[in-house]
Amino acid sequence: MGKKVVPIQRIMREFVFKVIYQYDFTRDNVDEIFNYTLENDILDPESVKEAWEFVRGIVESIDEIDALIKAHLINWTFERLSSIDKNILRLGTYELLFKDDIPIEVTLNEAIEIAKKFGSEKSGKFVNGILDRIAKEHAPKHKFKL
């Protein structure tokens, strides 16, 4: 069988995930983390620009994003989240709330795929459940299909 082709948008999202994951652990300068991660990943110039927009937006809105995630956890606490799941949820929540041009279904699918790749066997379903609840209550109405 042939090699699976990964869409450039997924590569960009995985890059963003890696940066915010590292930032979550260190709280170091996000510019330095971004540049260090960029040395080890291959992104085209347009994806670098978009990734920086995502990273900057997530870091600037992290308190709001975390509050929404906390409010939508059922029988779970934010402190118990794995760092992988927490940062995939941050990425997905940011995209749901602040990226008007990305359909909800795309955000959910991409978050699930990243969770399957980096998280546990249960991460995909867990991330989907939380992001679905956040989307239903907080995503801009124009992002819903009629």
N, C-alpha and C. Protein backbone atom coordinates (compact mmCIF):
# COMPACT_ATOMS: atom_id res chain seq x y z
N MET A 1 0.83 -1.19 0.00
CA MET A 1 0.00 0.00 0.00
C MET A 1 0.87 1.24 0.00
N GLY A 2 0.32 2.33 -0.53
CA GLY A 2 1.04 3.59 -0.60
C GLY A 2 1.09 4.30 0.73
N LYS A 3 1.95 5.25 0.79
CA LYS A 3 2.11 6.06 1.99
C LYS A 3 0.90 6.98 2.16
N LYS A 4 0.40 7.10 3.39
CA LYS A 4 -0.75 7.96 3.67
C LYS A 4 -0.32 9.43 3.57
N VAL A 5 -1.09 10.21 2.83
CA VAL A 5 -0.82 11.63 2.67
C VAL A 5 -1.52 12.39 3.80
N VAL A 6 -0.75 13.18 4.54
CA VAL A 6 -1.30 13.97 5.63
C VAL A 6 -1.53 15.39 5.12
N PRO A 7 -2.77 15.89 5.26
CA PRO A 7 -3.06 17.25 4.79
C PRO A 7 -2.20 18.29 5.50
N ILE A 8 -1.82 19.34 4.77
CA ILE A 8 -0.95 20.38 5.31
C ILE A 8 -1.59 21.04 6.54
N GLN A 9 -2.91 21.16 6.55
CA GLN A 9 -3.58 21.77 7.71
C GLN A 9 -3.40 20.91 8.96
N ARG A 10 -3.39 19.59 8.82
CA ARG A 10 -3.16 18.72 9.98
C ARG A 10 -1.72 18.87 10.45
N ILE A 11 -0.79 18.95 9.52
CA ILE A 11 0.61 19.14 9.89
C ILE A 11 0.76 20.45 10.67
N MET A 12 0.09 21.49 10.21
CA MET A 12 0.14 22.78 10.91
C MET A 12 -0.48 22.66 12.30
N ARG A 13 -1.62 21.99 12.41
CA ARG A 13 -2.26 21.83 13.73
C ARG A 13 -1.38 21.00 14.67
N GLU A 14 -0.76 19.97 14.16
CA GLU A 14 0.13 19.16 15.00
C GLU A 14 1.31 20.00 15.48
N PHE A 15 1.81 20.86 14.62
CA PHE A 15 2.89 21.76 15.00
C PHE A 15 2.42 22.68 16.13
N VAL A 16 1.23 23.28 15.99
CA VAL A 16 0.68 24.15 17.03
C VAL A 16 0.53 23.37 18.33
N PHE A 17 0.01 22.16 18.24
CA PHE A 17 -0.13 21.32 19.42
C PHE A 17 1.21 21.13 20.13
N LYS A 18 2.25 20.83 19.38
CA LYS A 18 3.58 20.63 19.97
C LYS A 18 4.07 21.88 20.69
N VAL A 19 3.83 23.04 20.09
CA VAL A 19 4.27 24.30 20.71
C VAL A 19 3.51 24.56 22.00
N ILE A 20 2.19 24.45 21.98
CA ILE A 20 1.43 24.76 23.20
C ILE A 20 1.61 23.69 24.27
N TYR A 21 1.87 22.47 23.85
CA TYR A 21 2.18 21.39 24.80
C TYR A 21 3.46 21.74 25.56
N GLN A 22 4.49 22.14 24.83
CA GLN A 22 5.75 22.53 25.46
C GLN A 22 5.56 23.78 26.33
N TYR A 23 4.81 24.74 25.83
CA TYR A 23 4.54 25.96 26.59
C TYR A 23 3.82 25.63 27.90
N ASP A 24 2.91 24.68 27.86
CA ASP A 24 2.16 24.28 29.06
C ASP A 24 3.10 23.77 30.15
N PHE A 25 4.14 23.07 29.76
CA PHE A 25 5.08 22.54 30.74
C PHE A 25 6.04 23.59 31.27
N THR A 26 6.50 24.46 30.41
CA THR A 26 7.60 25.34 30.81
C THR A 26 7.17 26.77 31.10
N ARG A 27 6.12 27.23 30.43
CA ARG A 27 5.69 28.64 30.46
C ARG A 27 6.85 29.57 30.08
N ASP A 28 7.79 29.00 29.32
CA ASP A 28 8.89 29.79 28.78
C ASP A 28 8.35 30.71 27.69
N ASN A 29 9.22 31.50 27.15
CA ASN A 29 8.88 32.42 26.07
C ASN A 29 8.33 31.64 24.88
N VAL A 30 7.09 31.91 24.53
CA VAL A 30 6.44 31.15 23.47
C VAL A 30 7.11 31.38 22.12
N ASP A 31 7.71 32.56 21.92
CA ASP A 31 8.45 32.81 20.67
C ASP A 31 9.61 31.83 20.53
N GLU A 32 10.34 31.63 21.62
CA GLU A 32 11.49 30.72 21.59
C GLU A 32 11.03 29.28 21.36
N ILE A 33 9.96 28.88 22.02
CA ILE A 33 9.43 27.52 21.84
C ILE A 33 9.01 27.33 20.38
N PHE A 34 8.32 28.32 19.84
CA PHE A 34 7.86 28.26 18.45
C PHE A 34 9.06 28.09 17.51
N ASN A 35 10.06 28.93 17.67
CA ASN A 35 11.23 28.87 16.79
C ASN A 35 12.00 27.57 16.95
N TYR A 36 12.13 27.09 18.18
CA TYR A 36 12.82 25.82 18.41
C TYR A 36 12.06 24.68 17.73
N THR A 37 10.74 24.67 17.88
CA THR A 37 9.93 23.61 17.27
C THR A 37 10.01 23.71 15.75
N LEU A 38 10.07 24.91 15.24
CA LEU A 38 10.15 25.13 13.80
C LEU A 38 11.45 24.55 13.22
N GLU A 39 12.51 24.55 14.01
CA GLU A 39 13.77 23.97 13.55
C GLU A 39 13.65 22.48 13.31
N ASN A 40 12.69 21.82 14.00
CA ASN A 40 12.56 20.37 13.92
C ASN A 40 11.37 19.91 13.09
N ASP A 41 10.60 20.83 12.55
CA ASP A 41 9.44 20.51 11.72
C ASP A 41 9.58 21.23 10.39
N ILE A 42 8.89 20.72 9.40
CA ILE A 42 8.91 21.33 8.08
C ILE A 42 7.53 21.90 7.81
N LEU A 43 7.46 23.21 7.70
CA LEU A 43 6.22 23.90 7.36
C LEU A 43 6.50 24.90 6.24
N ASP A 44 5.55 25.03 5.34
CA ASP A 44 5.70 26.04 4.30
C ASP A 44 5.46 27.42 4.94
N PRO A 45 5.92 28.50 4.29
CA PRO A 45 5.81 29.84 4.88
C PRO A 45 4.38 30.24 5.28
N GLU A 46 3.39 29.88 4.48
CA GLU A 46 2.00 30.21 4.80
C GLU A 46 1.54 29.47 6.06
N SER A 47 1.95 28.22 6.20
CA SER A 47 1.59 27.44 7.40
C SER A 47 2.28 27.97 8.64
N VAL A 48 3.50 28.46 8.48
CA VAL A 48 4.22 29.06 9.62
C VAL A 48 3.45 30.28 10.11
N LYS A 49 3.01 31.10 9.17
CA LYS A 49 2.24 32.30 9.52
C LYS A 49 0.94 31.92 10.24
N GLU A 50 0.22 30.94 9.70
CA GLU A 50 -1.04 30.50 10.31
C GLU A 50 -0.79 29.86 11.68
N ALA A 51 0.26 29.06 11.79
CA ALA A 51 0.58 28.42 13.07
C ALA A 51 0.88 29.46 14.13
N TRP A 52 1.62 30.51 13.76
CA TRP A 52 1.93 31.57 14.73
C TRP A 52 0.65 32.27 15.18
N GLU A 53 -0.27 32.49 14.25
CA GLU A 53 -1.55 33.11 14.61
C GLU A 53 -2.30 32.23 15.62
N PHE A 54 -2.32 30.93 15.39
CA PHE A 54 -2.97 29.99 16.32
C PHE A 54 -2.29 30.04 17.69
N VAL A 55 -0.96 29.89 17.70
CA VAL A 55 -0.22 29.85 18.96
C VAL A 55 -0.44 31.14 19.75
N ARG A 56 -0.27 32.26 19.10
CA ARG A 56 -0.45 33.55 19.76
C ARG A 56 -1.88 33.68 20.31
N GLY A 57 -2.86 33.29 19.51
CA GLY A 57 -4.26 33.37 19.94
C GLY A 57 -4.55 32.48 21.12
N ILE A 58 -4.01 31.28 21.11
CA ILE A 58 -4.24 30.35 22.23
C ILE A 58 -3.60 30.88 23.50
N VAL A 59 -2.36 31.33 23.41
CA VAL A 59 -1.66 31.84 24.60
C VAL A 59 -2.36 33.08 25.15
N GLU A 60 -2.78 33.98 24.26
CA GLU A 60 -3.45 35.21 24.71
C GLU A 60 -4.82 34.93 25.32
N SER A 61 -5.48 33.85 24.90
CA SER A 61 -6.84 33.54 25.36
C SER A 61 -6.87 32.33 26.29
N ILE A 62 -5.73 31.91 26.81
CA ILE A 62 -5.65 30.65 27.53
C ILE A 62 -6.57 30.59 28.76
N ASP A 63 -6.72 31.69 29.47
CA ASP A 63 -7.60 31.67 30.65
C ASP A 63 -9.06 31.46 30.24
N GLU A 64 -9.49 32.15 29.21
CA GLU A 64 -10.86 31.99 28.71
C GLU A 64 -11.08 30.57 28.17
N ILE A 65 -10.12 30.07 27.43
CA ILE A 65 -10.21 28.72 26.86
C ILE A 65 -10.27 27.68 27.99
N ASP A 66 -9.37 27.80 28.97
CA ASP A 66 -9.35 26.84 30.07
C ASP A 66 -10.65 26.88 30.87
N ALA A 67 -11.21 28.06 31.06
CA ALA A 67 -12.48 28.18 31.80
C ALA A 67 -13.60 27.44 31.07
N LEU A 68 -13.63 27.56 29.75
CA LEU A 68 -14.65 26.84 28.98
C LEU A 68 -14.45 25.34 29.06
N ILE A 69 -13.22 24.89 28.95
CA ILE A 69 -12.94 23.46 29.06
C ILE A 69 -13.39 22.96 30.44
N LYS A 70 -13.00 23.67 31.49
CA LYS A 70 -13.39 23.28 32.86
C LYS A 70 -14.90 23.18 32.99
N ALA A 71 -15.63 24.13 32.42
CA ALA A 71 -17.08 24.17 32.54
C ALA A 71 -17.76 23.00 31.81
N HIS A 72 -17.06 22.36 30.87
CA HIS A 72 -17.67 21.30 30.08
C HIS A 72 -17.15 19.91 30.41
N LEU A 73 -16.33 19.81 31.44
CA LEU A 73 -15.87 18.50 31.89
C LEU A 73 -16.98 17.88 32.76
N ILE A 74 -17.29 16.65 32.52
CA ILE A 74 -18.30 15.94 33.30
C ILE A 74 -17.60 14.83 34.06
N ASN A 75 -17.77 14.82 35.38
CA ASN A 75 -17.13 13.82 36.25
C ASN A 75 -15.62 13.77 36.06
N TRP A 76 -15.04 14.91 35.84
CA TRP A 76 -13.59 15.00 35.61
C TRP A 76 -13.15 16.39 36.05
N THR A 77 -11.90 16.53 36.43
CA THR A 77 -11.38 17.85 36.77
C THR A 77 -10.29 18.23 35.78
N PHE A 78 -10.10 19.51 35.63
CA PHE A 78 -9.09 20.03 34.72
C PHE A 78 -7.71 19.53 35.12
N GLU A 79 -7.46 19.46 36.41
CA GLU A 79 -6.15 19.03 36.92
C GLU A 79 -5.86 17.57 36.58
N ARG A 80 -6.89 16.77 36.37
CA ARG A 80 -6.71 15.36 36.04
C ARG A 80 -6.48 15.11 34.55
N LEU A 81 -6.72 16.12 33.73
CA LEU A 81 -6.50 15.94 32.30
C LEU A 81 -5.05 15.65 32.01
N SER A 82 -4.80 14.75 31.08
CA SER A 82 -3.43 14.57 30.63
C SER A 82 -3.03 15.84 29.90
N SER A 83 -1.76 16.16 29.89
CA SER A 83 -1.30 17.36 29.20
C SER A 83 -1.60 17.27 27.71
N ILE A 84 -1.56 16.08 27.18
CA ILE A 84 -1.86 15.89 25.76
C ILE A 84 -3.31 16.25 25.48
N ASP A 85 -4.24 15.65 26.24
CA ASP A 85 -5.66 15.94 26.02
C ASP A 85 -5.97 17.42 26.28
N LYS A 86 -5.39 17.98 27.34
CA LYS A 86 -5.65 19.38 27.69
C LYS A 86 -5.25 20.30 26.54
N ASN A 87 -4.11 20.07 25.95
CA ASN A 87 -3.62 20.96 24.89
C ASN A 87 -4.32 20.73 23.56
N ILE A 88 -4.77 19.53 23.30
CA ILE A 88 -5.61 19.30 22.11
C ILE A 88 -6.95 20.01 22.31
N LEU A 89 -7.49 19.96 23.53
CA LEU A 89 -8.74 20.68 23.82
C LEU A 89 -8.54 22.20 23.69
N ARG A 90 -7.40 22.70 24.11
CA ARG A 90 -7.12 24.13 23.94
C ARG A 90 -7.10 24.51 22.47
N LEU A 91 -6.42 23.71 21.68
CA LEU A 91 -6.34 23.97 20.24
C LEU A 91 -7.73 23.93 19.62
N GLY A 92 -8.50 22.90 19.92
CA GLY A 92 -9.84 22.76 19.36
C GLY A 92 -10.78 23.86 19.81
N THR A 93 -10.72 24.22 21.09
CA THR A 93 -11.58 25.27 21.62
C THR A 93 -11.25 26.61 20.96
N TYR A 94 -9.97 26.91 20.83
CA TYR A 94 -9.56 28.13 20.16
C TYR A 94 -10.14 28.18 18.74
N GLU A 95 -10.00 27.08 18.05
CA GLU A 95 -10.46 27.04 16.66
C GLU A 95 -11.98 27.20 16.58
N LEU A 96 -12.69 26.56 17.50
CA LEU A 96 -14.16 26.68 17.51
C LEU A 96 -14.60 28.12 17.74
N LEU A 97 -13.94 28.80 18.66
CA LEU A 97 -14.38 30.13 19.07
C LEU A 97 -13.87 31.26 18.18
N PHE A 98 -12.64 31.14 17.71
CA PHE A 98 -11.98 32.28 17.10
C PHE A 98 -11.66 32.14 15.60
N LYS A 99 -11.84 30.98 15.03
CA LYS A 99 -11.53 30.78 13.61
C LYS A 99 -12.84 30.60 12.84
N ASP A 100 -13.42 31.72 12.44
CA ASP A 100 -14.73 31.71 11.81
C ASP A 100 -14.80 30.97 10.49
N ASP A 101 -13.67 30.84 9.82
CA ASP A 101 -13.67 30.22 8.49
C ASP A 101 -13.49 28.70 8.52
N ILE A 102 -13.38 28.12 9.72
CA ILE A 102 -13.18 26.67 9.82
C ILE A 102 -14.46 26.03 10.36
N PRO A 103 -15.10 25.16 9.57
CA PRO A 103 -16.34 24.52 10.02
C PRO A 103 -16.13 23.68 11.28
N ILE A 104 -17.16 23.60 12.10
CA ILE A 104 -17.11 22.84 13.34
C ILE A 104 -16.69 21.40 13.08
N GLU A 105 -17.25 20.79 12.05
CA GLU A 105 -16.95 19.39 11.75
C GLU A 105 -15.46 19.17 11.47
N VAL A 106 -14.85 20.13 10.79
CA VAL A 106 -13.42 20.04 10.49
C VAL A 106 -12.62 20.12 11.80
N THR A 107 -12.97 21.07 12.65
CA THR A 107 -12.27 21.22 13.93
C THR A 107 -12.37 19.93 14.74
N LEU A 108 -13.58 19.39 14.87
CA LEU A 108 -13.76 18.17 15.66
C LEU A 108 -12.97 17.01 15.07
N ASN A 109 -13.05 16.82 13.76
CA ASN A 109 -12.34 15.73 13.11
C ASN A 109 -10.82 15.86 13.30
N GLU A 110 -10.30 17.06 13.10
CA GLU A 110 -8.86 17.26 13.24
C GLU A 110 -8.41 17.01 14.68
N ALA A 111 -9.17 17.49 15.66
CA ALA A 111 -8.82 17.27 17.06
C ALA A 111 -8.83 15.78 17.40
N ILE A 112 -9.81 15.06 16.89
CA ILE A 112 -9.89 13.62 17.13
C ILE A 112 -8.67 12.91 16.54
N GLU A 113 -8.31 13.27 15.33
CA GLU A 113 -7.16 12.62 14.67
C GLU A 113 -5.85 12.91 15.42
N ILE A 114 -5.69 14.14 15.88
CA ILE A 114 -4.48 14.48 16.65
C ILE A 114 -4.48 13.73 17.98
N ALA A 115 -5.65 13.62 18.60
CA ALA A 115 -5.76 12.89 19.87
C ALA A 115 -5.43 11.41 19.68
N LYS A 116 -5.88 10.83 18.58
CA LYS A 116 -5.57 9.43 18.30
C LYS A 116 -4.07 9.23 18.10
N LYS A 117 -3.42 10.21 17.47
CA LYS A 117 -1.99 10.09 17.19
C LYS A 117 -1.14 10.28 18.43
N PHE A 118 -1.47 11.28 19.25
CA PHE A 118 -0.60 11.63 20.37
C PHE A 118 -1.12 11.15 21.73
N GLY A 119 -2.41 10.88 21.85
CA GLY A 119 -3.00 10.55 23.14
C GLY A 119 -3.17 9.06 23.37
N SER A 120 -4.00 8.75 24.34
CA SER A 120 -4.29 7.35 24.66
C SER A 120 -5.38 6.83 23.73
N GLU A 121 -5.72 5.56 23.87
CA GLU A 121 -6.74 4.98 23.01
C GLU A 121 -8.12 5.61 23.24
N LYS A 122 -8.32 6.23 24.40
CA LYS A 122 -9.60 6.85 24.72
C LYS A 122 -9.62 8.35 24.42
N SER A 123 -8.49 8.92 24.08
CA SER A 123 -8.38 10.37 23.89
C SER A 123 -9.31 10.91 22.81
N GLY A 124 -9.42 10.21 21.69
CA GLY A 124 -10.24 10.69 20.59
C GLY A 124 -11.69 10.90 20.99
N LYS A 125 -12.28 9.90 21.64
CA LYS A 125 -13.68 10.01 22.07
C LYS A 125 -13.83 11.08 23.15
N PHE A 126 -12.88 11.13 24.07
CA PHE A 126 -12.94 12.11 25.17
C PHE A 126 -12.89 13.53 24.60
N VAL A 127 -11.93 13.81 23.75
CA VAL A 127 -11.77 15.13 23.15
C VAL A 127 -13.01 15.49 22.33
N ASN A 128 -13.53 14.54 21.57
CA ASN A 128 -14.73 14.78 20.78
C ASN A 128 -15.90 15.19 21.67
N GLY A 129 -16.11 14.50 22.77
CA GLY A 129 -17.23 14.80 23.65
C GLY A 129 -17.16 16.20 24.23
N ILE A 130 -15.98 16.59 24.69
CA ILE A 130 -15.82 17.93 25.30
C ILE A 130 -15.99 19.01 24.23
N LEU A 131 -15.30 18.85 23.10
CA LEU A 131 -15.38 19.88 22.06
C LEU A 131 -16.79 19.97 21.47
N ASP A 132 -17.48 18.87 21.37
CA ASP A 132 -18.85 18.90 20.86
C ASP A 132 -19.74 19.73 21.79
N ARG A 133 -19.60 19.55 23.09
CA ARG A 133 -20.39 20.34 24.05
C ARG A 133 -20.02 21.82 23.97
N ILE A 134 -18.74 22.11 23.86
CA ILE A 134 -18.30 23.51 23.74
C ILE A 134 -18.86 24.12 22.46
N ALA A 135 -18.79 23.39 21.37
CA ALA A 135 -19.29 23.90 20.08
C ALA A 135 -20.78 24.22 20.17
N LYS A 136 -21.56 23.31 20.72
CA LYS A 136 -23.01 23.50 20.79
C LYS A 136 -23.39 24.73 21.60
N GLU A 137 -22.62 25.05 22.62
CA GLU A 137 -22.97 26.17 23.48
C GLU A 137 -22.27 27.48 23.13
N HIS A 138 -21.10 27.41 22.50
CA HIS A 138 -20.30 28.63 22.38
C HIS A 138 -19.81 28.99 20.98
N ALA A 139 -19.85 28.05 20.05
CA ALA A 139 -19.36 28.38 18.70
C ALA A 139 -20.29 29.40 18.06
N PRO A 140 -19.75 30.30 17.26
CA PRO A 140 -20.60 31.27 16.55
C PRO A 140 -21.66 30.53 15.73
N LYS A 141 -22.87 31.03 15.76
CA LYS A 141 -24.01 30.35 15.12
C LYS A 141 -23.81 30.14 13.62
N HIS A 142 -23.10 31.04 12.96
CA HIS A 142 -22.91 30.88 11.51
C HIS A 142 -22.04 29.68 11.16
N LYS A 143 -21.38 29.10 12.15
CA LYS A 143 -20.53 27.93 11.87
C LYS A 143 -21.34 26.63 11.80
N PHE A 144 -22.61 26.69 12.21
CA PHE A 144 -23.46 25.51 12.15
C PHE A 144 -24.09 25.40 10.77
N LYS A 145 -24.13 24.18 10.26
CA LYS A 145 -24.78 23.95 8.97
C LYS A 145 -26.29 24.02 9.18
N LEU A 146 -26.98 24.58 8.22
CA LEU A 146 -28.44 24.69 8.32
C LEU A 146 -29.11 23.45 7.79
